[in-house]
Protein backbone atom coordinates (compact mmCIF):
# COMPACT_ATOMS: atom_id res chain seq x y z
CA MET A 1 18.58 -52.69 29.44
CA ASP A 2 17.25 -55.93 28.03
CA ARG A 3 18.63 -57.79 31.02
CA LEU A 4 16.67 -55.49 33.37
CA LYS A 5 13.51 -56.03 31.37
CA ARG A 6 13.94 -59.82 31.59
CA GLN A 7 14.55 -59.62 35.33
CA SER A 8 11.53 -57.38 35.77
CA SER A 9 9.39 -59.72 33.72
CA LYS A 10 10.64 -62.70 35.73
CA LEU A 11 9.81 -60.92 39.02
CA GLU A 12 6.36 -60.00 37.76
CA GLY A 13 5.76 -63.64 36.85
CA GLU A 14 6.85 -64.76 40.32
CA ILE A 15 4.57 -62.17 41.93
CA LYS A 16 1.63 -63.37 39.84
CA SER A 17 2.41 -66.98 40.77
CA LEU A 18 2.53 -66.12 44.48
CA GLN A 19 -0.75 -64.18 44.22
CA ASP A 20 -2.37 -67.20 42.55
CA LYS A 21 -1.10 -69.49 45.34
CA ILE A 22 -2.45 -67.12 48.00
CA MET A 23 -5.81 -67.14 46.27
CA GLU A 24 -5.79 -70.94 46.11
CA VAL A 25 -5.00 -71.31 49.81
CA GLY A 26 -7.27 -68.67 51.26
CA GLY A 27 -8.88 -67.15 48.21
CA ASP A 28 -12.51 -67.79 49.03
CA LYS A 29 -12.18 -66.43 52.54
CA PHE A 30 -10.12 -63.50 51.27
CA ARG A 31 -12.67 -62.67 48.55
CA SER A 32 -15.48 -62.88 51.09
CA GLN A 33 -13.69 -60.53 53.50
CA LYS A 34 -12.72 -58.19 50.66
CA SER A 35 -16.35 -58.06 49.57
CA LYS A 36 -17.42 -57.18 53.11
CA VAL A 37 -14.77 -54.45 53.33
CA ASP A 38 -15.84 -53.04 49.96
CA GLN A 39 -19.48 -52.99 51.09
CA ILE A 40 -18.53 -51.20 54.32
CA LYS A 41 -16.54 -48.62 52.34
CA ASP A 42 -19.54 -48.02 50.07
CA ASN A 43 -21.78 -47.58 53.12
CA ILE A 44 -19.33 -45.08 54.60
CA VAL A 45 -19.42 -43.05 51.39
CA LEU A 46 -23.23 -43.03 51.38
CA ILE A 47 -23.42 -42.04 55.04
CA ASN A 48 -20.89 -39.24 54.52
CA GLU A 49 -22.99 -37.93 51.62
CA GLN A 50 -26.09 -38.00 53.84
CA ILE A 51 -24.22 -36.15 56.60
CA ILE A 52 -23.13 -33.42 54.18
CA LYS A 53 -26.66 -33.11 52.81
CA SER A 54 -28.07 -32.84 56.35
CA GLN A 55 -25.51 -30.20 57.31
CA VAL A 56 -26.45 -28.11 54.26
CA GLU A 57 -30.15 -28.46 55.06
CA LYS A 58 -29.50 -27.46 58.69
CA SER A 59 -27.55 -24.39 57.60
CA ASN A 60 -30.29 -23.38 55.17
CA THR A 61 -32.96 -23.85 57.82
CA GLU A 62 -31.01 -21.71 60.30
CA LYS A 63 -30.75 -18.95 57.68
CA ASP A 64 -34.49 -19.23 56.98
CA ILE A 65 -35.26 -18.87 60.69
CA ILE A 66 -33.18 -15.70 60.90
CA ARG A 67 -34.87 -14.30 57.78
CA PHE A 68 -38.36 -15.16 59.06
CA LYS A 69 -37.63 -13.57 62.45
CA LYS A 70 -36.47 -10.39 60.73
CA ASN A 71 -39.57 -10.31 58.55
CA ARG A 72 -41.78 -10.91 61.56
CA THR A 73 -40.15 -8.03 63.42
CA LEU A 74 -40.66 -5.74 60.42
CA HIS A 75 -44.26 -6.85 60.07
CA ASP A 76 -44.94 -6.36 63.79
CA SER A 77 -43.44 -2.86 63.66
CA PHE A 78 -45.58 -2.00 60.67
CA MET A 79 -48.73 -3.32 62.34
CA ILE A 80 -48.00 -1.35 65.51
CA SER A 81 -47.49 1.83 63.52
CA GLN A 82 -50.76 1.24 61.64
CA TYR A 83 -52.58 0.68 64.92
CA MET A 84 -51.07 3.78 66.48
CA ASN A 85 -52.00 5.86 63.42
CA ARG A 86 -55.61 4.78 63.79
CA LEU A 87 -55.65 5.66 67.48
CA HIS A 88 -53.95 9.04 67.15
CA PRO A 89 -53.81 10.02 63.49
CA ARG A 90 -52.73 13.64 64.08
CA GLU A 91 -49.85 12.83 66.38
CA PHE A 92 -48.18 10.56 63.85
CA CYS A 93 -48.68 12.63 60.72
CA ILE A 94 -45.62 14.15 59.17
């Protein structure tokens, strides 16, 4: 078990050393590109949030339109019945 831990530790040290060498050789360019990629990912998240918000607003607006149309129809029917009652009050009495 100890032998495996030593080997694992040795491999981790080698990995760290190789990562440091990579950063030395192309580190600045890599960090610059990584920063650009991170910024693009953040922008994608923000845009996706805006899309979801817009979809919810669209859905709510569509529901409002349906509700307003229904209310308008009810109101129009009521107004017609009121008008008809004024024209012919006896015919529409119950």
